[in-house]
Amino acid sequence: MSFWMYRKDINGKTYLWQIDVDPLIIVMIIGILAAILTPQVKLNPSLLLILPLTCAIIGLVFLSISKVSLYRKGIWVSFGSKLMSKRYARLYKLGYLFIITGMLAVLMVIAGTRIR
């Protein structure tokens, strides 16, 4: 698997960069995070709600930062990332990703702890 990035130099010539990434690194990172977090969650079950809410708050901060860039330009009402620069558009999308991930995790925790 690889990521492809296009870059331009000072003269305007476009270069294609191919960055190779091993997909098993993602599995290893998830495994390491699970190995670190599982004992902590068993000792302190309140982390099951704190971690997803923290993820959602980080997403809200990213979203706010990207919207402030539009407010500085004098654009007060906008929908989507069309009017943002590339960096702020990425931050905007990443913010929504964090919010959705955090809220889905909170819903899963609530559904898992429901008493029948």
N, C-alpha and C. Protein backbone atom coordinates (compact mmCIF):
# COMPACT_ATOMS: atom_id res chain seq x y z
N MET A 1 0.85 -1.16 0.00
CA MET A 1 0.00 0.00 0.00
C MET A 1 0.90 1.22 0.00
N SER A 2 0.47 2.26 -0.68
CA SER A 2 1.28 3.48 -0.71
C SER A 2 0.38 4.70 -0.80
N PHE A 3 0.92 5.80 -0.32
CA PHE A 3 0.27 7.09 -0.44
C PHE A 3 0.94 7.85 -1.58
N TRP A 4 0.15 8.51 -2.40
CA TRP A 4 0.69 9.29 -3.50
C TRP A 4 0.42 10.75 -3.25
N MET A 5 1.46 11.56 -3.36
CA MET A 5 1.33 12.99 -3.14
C MET A 5 1.93 13.73 -4.32
N TYR A 6 1.26 14.78 -4.75
CA TYR A 6 1.77 15.63 -5.82
C TYR A 6 2.30 16.90 -5.19
N ARG A 7 3.51 17.27 -5.56
CA ARG A 7 4.15 18.49 -5.06
C ARG A 7 4.66 19.30 -6.24
N LYS A 8 4.65 20.61 -6.10
CA LYS A 8 5.19 21.50 -7.12
C LYS A 8 6.41 22.21 -6.57
N ASP A 9 7.42 22.35 -7.42
CA ASP A 9 8.59 23.10 -6.99
C ASP A 9 8.40 24.57 -7.34
N ILE A 10 9.43 25.35 -7.18
CA ILE A 10 9.35 26.80 -7.41
C ILE A 10 9.02 27.11 -8.87
N ASN A 11 9.51 26.31 -9.78
CA ASN A 11 9.27 26.54 -11.20
C ASN A 11 7.89 26.10 -11.66
N GLY A 12 7.16 25.41 -10.83
CA GLY A 12 5.82 24.95 -11.18
C GLY A 12 5.78 23.54 -11.72
N LYS A 13 6.93 22.88 -11.75
CA LYS A 13 6.96 21.50 -12.23
C LYS A 13 6.39 20.57 -11.16
N THR A 14 5.52 19.65 -11.56
CA THR A 14 4.86 18.75 -10.63
C THR A 14 5.64 17.45 -10.49
N TYR A 15 5.84 17.04 -9.24
CA TYR A 15 6.51 15.80 -8.94
C TYR A 15 5.55 14.88 -8.21
N LEU A 16 5.64 13.60 -8.50
CA LEU A 16 4.82 12.60 -7.83
C LEU A 16 5.67 11.87 -6.81
N TRP A 17 5.24 11.90 -5.56
CA TRP A 17 5.93 11.19 -4.50
C TRP A 17 5.10 9.98 -4.13
N GLN A 18 5.74 8.83 -4.04
CA GLN A 18 5.07 7.61 -3.62
C GLN A 18 5.71 7.18 -2.31
N ILE A 19 4.89 7.14 -1.26
CA ILE A 19 5.37 6.79 0.07
C ILE A 19 4.81 5.42 0.41
N ASP A 20 5.66 4.43 0.50
CA ASP A 20 5.23 3.07 0.79
C ASP A 20 4.92 2.91 2.27
N VAL A 21 3.78 2.26 2.55
CA VAL A 21 3.36 2.01 3.92
C VAL A 21 2.92 0.55 4.03
N ASP A 22 3.42 -0.13 5.04
CA ASP A 22 3.02 -1.51 5.26
C ASP A 22 1.67 -1.53 5.97
N PRO A 23 0.65 -2.19 5.41
CA PRO A 23 -0.67 -2.19 6.06
C PRO A 23 -0.70 -2.90 7.41
N LEU A 24 0.28 -3.75 7.68
CA LEU A 24 0.30 -4.43 8.98
C LEU A 24 0.69 -3.48 10.11
N ILE A 25 1.24 -2.32 9.77
CA ILE A 25 1.56 -1.34 10.80
C ILE A 25 0.29 -0.89 11.50
N ILE A 26 -0.80 -0.75 10.75
CA ILE A 26 -2.08 -0.34 11.34
C ILE A 26 -2.54 -1.38 12.35
N VAL A 27 -2.43 -2.66 12.00
CA VAL A 27 -2.82 -3.74 12.91
C VAL A 27 -1.93 -3.72 14.15
N MET A 28 -0.65 -3.48 13.98
CA MET A 28 0.27 -3.44 15.11
C MET A 28 -0.05 -2.27 16.04
N ILE A 29 -0.37 -1.12 15.48
CA ILE A 29 -0.70 0.05 16.31
C ILE A 29 -1.98 -0.21 17.10
N ILE A 30 -3.00 -0.80 16.45
CA ILE A 30 -4.24 -1.13 17.16
C ILE A 30 -3.96 -2.13 18.27
N GLY A 31 -3.12 -3.12 18.01
CA GLY A 31 -2.78 -4.11 19.03
C GLY A 31 -2.04 -3.49 20.21
N ILE A 32 -1.11 -2.60 19.93
CA ILE A 32 -0.37 -1.94 21.01
C ILE A 32 -1.30 -1.08 21.84
N LEU A 33 -2.18 -0.32 21.18
CA LEU A 33 -3.14 0.51 21.92
C LEU A 33 -4.08 -0.36 22.77
N ALA A 34 -4.52 -1.48 22.23
CA ALA A 34 -5.39 -2.37 23.00
C ALA A 34 -4.64 -2.95 24.20
N ALA A 35 -3.37 -3.29 24.01
CA ALA A 35 -2.59 -3.85 25.11
C ALA A 35 -2.34 -2.81 26.20
N ILE A 36 -2.26 -1.56 25.83
CA ILE A 36 -2.06 -0.50 26.82
C ILE A 36 -3.37 -0.14 27.52
N LEU A 37 -4.46 -0.03 26.75
CA LEU A 37 -5.72 0.46 27.31
C LEU A 37 -6.54 -0.59 28.04
N THR A 38 -6.47 -1.86 27.66
CA THR A 38 -7.32 -2.88 28.27
C THR A 38 -7.08 -3.03 29.77
N PRO A 39 -5.85 -3.12 30.25
CA PRO A 39 -5.67 -3.20 31.71
C PRO A 39 -6.15 -1.94 32.44
N GLN A 40 -5.97 -0.78 31.79
CA GLN A 40 -6.41 0.46 32.42
C GLN A 40 -7.93 0.52 32.54
N VAL A 41 -8.62 0.03 31.52
CA VAL A 41 -10.08 0.04 31.53
C VAL A 41 -10.62 -0.94 32.57
N LYS A 42 -9.93 -2.07 32.74
CA LYS A 42 -10.37 -3.04 33.75
C LYS A 42 -10.21 -2.46 35.15
N LEU A 43 -9.16 -1.68 35.38
CA LEU A 43 -8.96 -1.06 36.70
C LEU A 43 -9.88 0.12 36.93
N ASN A 44 -10.19 0.88 35.86
CA ASN A 44 -11.00 2.07 35.98
C ASN A 44 -12.03 2.10 34.85
N PRO A 45 -13.22 1.52 35.05
CA PRO A 45 -14.21 1.42 33.98
C PRO A 45 -14.74 2.76 33.47
N SER A 46 -14.56 3.83 34.22
CA SER A 46 -15.05 5.13 33.76
C SER A 46 -14.28 5.62 32.52
N LEU A 47 -13.13 5.01 32.24
CA LEU A 47 -12.38 5.36 31.02
C LEU A 47 -13.15 5.01 29.76
N LEU A 48 -14.10 4.08 29.86
CA LEU A 48 -14.90 3.71 28.69
C LEU A 48 -15.70 4.88 28.16
N LEU A 49 -16.07 5.81 29.00
CA LEU A 49 -16.76 7.01 28.54
C LEU A 49 -15.83 8.19 28.35
N ILE A 50 -14.78 8.25 29.14
CA ILE A 50 -13.87 9.40 29.07
C ILE A 50 -13.11 9.42 27.74
N LEU A 51 -12.60 8.27 27.29
CA LEU A 51 -11.81 8.24 26.06
C LEU A 51 -12.62 8.61 24.82
N PRO A 52 -13.84 8.07 24.60
CA PRO A 52 -14.60 8.50 23.42
C PRO A 52 -15.04 9.96 23.49
N LEU A 53 -15.38 10.43 24.68
CA LEU A 53 -15.76 11.84 24.79
C LEU A 53 -14.57 12.75 24.53
N THR A 54 -13.39 12.34 24.95
CA THR A 54 -12.18 13.10 24.65
C THR A 54 -11.94 13.14 23.14
N CYS A 55 -12.17 12.02 22.47
CA CYS A 55 -12.02 11.96 21.02
C CYS A 55 -12.99 12.93 20.34
N ALA A 56 -14.23 12.98 20.83
CA ALA A 56 -15.22 13.89 20.25
C ALA A 56 -14.86 15.35 20.52
N ILE A 57 -14.33 15.63 21.69
CA ILE A 57 -13.94 17.01 22.02
C ILE A 57 -12.77 17.45 21.16
N ILE A 58 -11.81 16.56 20.91
CA ILE A 58 -10.69 16.88 20.02
C ILE A 58 -11.23 17.20 18.62
N GLY A 59 -12.20 16.43 18.16
CA GLY A 59 -12.82 16.70 16.86
C GLY A 59 -13.50 18.04 16.83
N LEU A 60 -14.16 18.41 17.92
CA LEU A 60 -14.82 19.71 17.99
C LEU A 60 -13.80 20.85 17.96
N VAL A 61 -12.66 20.65 18.60
CA VAL A 61 -11.59 21.66 18.56
C VAL A 61 -11.05 21.80 17.14
N PHE A 62 -10.82 20.68 16.45
CA PHE A 62 -10.35 20.74 15.07
C PHE A 62 -11.35 21.47 14.17
N LEU A 63 -12.62 21.18 14.37
CA LEU A 63 -13.67 21.81 13.58
C LEU A 63 -13.71 23.31 13.85
N SER A 64 -13.56 23.69 15.11
CA SER A 64 -13.58 25.11 15.46
C SER A 64 -12.39 25.85 14.87
N ILE A 65 -11.23 25.24 14.91
CA ILE A 65 -10.04 25.88 14.34
C ILE A 65 -10.22 26.12 12.85
N SER A 66 -10.77 25.13 12.15
CA SER A 66 -10.94 25.30 10.71
C SER A 66 -12.02 26.34 10.40
N LYS A 67 -13.05 26.47 11.24
CA LYS A 67 -14.08 27.47 11.00
C LYS A 67 -13.57 28.88 11.30
N VAL A 68 -12.68 29.01 12.28
CA VAL A 68 -12.12 30.32 12.61
C VAL A 68 -11.36 30.89 11.42
N SER A 69 -10.75 30.02 10.62
CA SER A 69 -10.05 30.49 9.43
C SER A 69 -11.01 31.18 8.46
N LEU A 70 -12.24 30.71 8.38
CA LEU A 70 -13.23 31.36 7.53
C LEU A 70 -13.72 32.66 8.15
N TYR A 71 -13.87 32.68 9.47
CA TYR A 71 -14.32 33.90 10.14
C TYR A 71 -13.32 35.03 9.95
N ARG A 72 -12.03 34.68 9.92
CA ARG A 72 -11.00 35.70 9.71
C ARG A 72 -11.08 36.30 8.31
N LYS A 73 -11.57 35.52 7.34
CA LYS A 73 -11.74 36.02 5.97
C LYS A 73 -13.02 36.82 5.81
N GLY A 74 -13.87 36.82 6.84
CA GLY A 74 -15.12 37.55 6.77
C GLY A 74 -16.29 36.71 6.28
N ILE A 75 -16.10 35.41 6.19
CA ILE A 75 -17.16 34.50 5.76
C ILE A 75 -17.82 33.95 7.03
N TRP A 76 -19.06 34.38 7.29
CA TRP A 76 -19.72 33.99 8.53
C TRP A 76 -20.63 32.79 8.36
N VAL A 77 -21.17 32.59 7.17
CA VAL A 77 -22.06 31.46 6.94
C VAL A 77 -21.49 30.63 5.79
N SER A 78 -21.17 29.39 6.08
CA SER A 78 -20.68 28.49 5.04
C SER A 78 -20.97 27.06 5.45
N PHE A 79 -21.10 26.21 4.46
CA PHE A 79 -21.34 24.79 4.69
C PHE A 79 -20.29 24.01 3.92
N GLY A 80 -19.63 23.09 4.60
CA GLY A 80 -18.62 22.30 3.94
C GLY A 80 -17.27 22.98 3.96
N SER A 81 -16.32 22.35 3.29
CA SER A 81 -14.94 22.84 3.31
C SER A 81 -14.51 23.46 1.98
N LYS A 82 -15.45 23.81 1.15
CA LYS A 82 -15.13 24.32 -0.18
C LYS A 82 -14.35 25.64 -0.16
N LEU A 83 -14.66 26.52 0.77
CA LEU A 83 -14.04 27.84 0.82
C LEU A 83 -12.75 27.86 1.64
N MET A 84 -12.36 26.73 2.23
CA MET A 84 -11.17 26.67 3.07
C MET A 84 -9.94 26.31 2.25
N SER A 85 -8.77 26.61 2.82
CA SER A 85 -7.54 26.17 2.19
C SER A 85 -7.43 24.65 2.36
N LYS A 86 -6.48 24.03 1.69
CA LYS A 86 -6.35 22.57 1.74
C LYS A 86 -6.09 22.07 3.16
N ARG A 87 -5.21 22.76 3.88
CA ARG A 87 -4.88 22.32 5.23
C ARG A 87 -6.08 22.42 6.16
N TYR A 88 -6.80 23.54 6.09
CA TYR A 88 -7.96 23.69 6.95
C TYR A 88 -9.08 22.75 6.53
N ALA A 89 -9.19 22.43 5.25
CA ALA A 89 -10.20 21.48 4.79
C ALA A 89 -9.89 20.09 5.34
N ARG A 90 -8.62 19.72 5.36
CA ARG A 90 -8.24 18.42 5.94
C ARG A 90 -8.54 18.39 7.43
N LEU A 91 -8.24 19.50 8.12
CA LEU A 91 -8.52 19.58 9.54
C LEU A 91 -10.02 19.51 9.81
N TYR A 92 -10.81 20.13 8.94
CA TYR A 92 -12.27 20.11 9.03
C TYR A 92 -12.79 18.68 8.91
N LYS A 93 -12.32 17.96 7.91
CA LYS A 93 -12.76 16.58 7.70
C LYS A 93 -12.27 15.67 8.83
N LEU A 94 -11.05 15.90 9.30
CA LEU A 94 -10.52 15.11 10.41
C LEU A 94 -11.33 15.38 11.68
N GLY A 95 -11.76 16.62 11.87
CA GLY A 95 -12.60 16.95 13.02
C GLY A 95 -13.90 16.19 13.00
N TYR A 96 -14.56 16.14 11.84
CA TYR A 96 -15.80 15.38 11.74
C TYR A 96 -15.54 13.88 11.94
N LEU A 97 -14.43 13.38 11.47
CA LEU A 97 -14.09 11.98 11.67
C LEU A 97 -13.94 11.66 13.16
N PHE A 98 -13.25 12.54 13.90
CA PHE A 98 -13.08 12.34 15.34
C PHE A 98 -14.42 12.42 16.06
N ILE A 99 -15.26 13.37 15.69
CA ILE A 99 -16.57 13.51 16.34
C ILE A 99 -17.42 12.27 16.10
N ILE A 100 -17.48 11.81 14.87
CA ILE A 100 -18.29 10.63 14.54
C ILE A 100 -17.75 9.39 15.25
N THR A 101 -16.43 9.22 15.25
CA THR A 101 -15.83 8.06 15.91
C THR A 101 -16.11 8.09 17.42
N GLY A 102 -15.94 9.25 18.03
CA GLY A 102 -16.19 9.37 19.47
C GLY A 102 -17.64 9.12 19.82
N MET A 103 -18.56 9.67 19.05
CA MET A 103 -19.98 9.48 19.34
C MET A 103 -20.43 8.02 19.10
N LEU A 104 -19.90 7.39 18.06
CA LEU A 104 -20.22 5.98 17.85
C LEU A 104 -19.70 5.11 19.00
N ALA A 105 -18.52 5.44 19.48
CA ALA A 105 -17.96 4.69 20.61
C ALA A 105 -18.79 4.91 21.87
N VAL A 106 -19.27 6.13 22.09
CA VAL A 106 -20.13 6.39 23.25
C VAL A 106 -21.43 5.61 23.12
N LEU A 107 -22.02 5.57 21.94
CA LEU A 107 -23.25 4.82 21.74
C LEU A 107 -23.03 3.32 21.95
N MET A 108 -21.88 2.81 21.53
CA MET A 108 -21.58 1.39 21.75
C MET A 108 -21.41 1.10 23.24
N VAL A 109 -20.78 2.00 23.98
CA VAL A 109 -20.61 1.80 25.41
C VAL A 109 -21.98 1.83 26.10
N ILE A 110 -22.83 2.77 25.72
CA ILE A 110 -24.16 2.86 26.32
C ILE A 110 -24.98 1.61 26.00
N ALA A 111 -24.90 1.15 24.75
CA ALA A 111 -25.64 -0.06 24.38
C ALA A 111 -25.10 -1.29 25.08
N GLY A 112 -23.82 -1.33 25.33
CA GLY A 112 -23.20 -2.48 26.00
C GLY A 112 -23.46 -2.53 27.49
N THR A 113 -23.73 -1.37 28.10
CA THR A 113 -23.95 -1.34 29.54
C THR A 113 -25.42 -1.27 29.91
N ARG A 114 -26.30 -1.35 28.94
CA ARG A 114 -27.74 -1.27 29.22
C ARG A 114 -28.18 -2.50 30.02
N ILE A 115 -28.93 -2.26 31.06
CA ILE A 115 -29.43 -3.35 31.91
C ILE A 115 -30.72 -3.87 31.31
N ARG A 116 -30.83 -5.18 31.20
CA ARG A 116 -32.05 -5.77 30.59
C ARG A 116 -32.94 -6.33 31.65
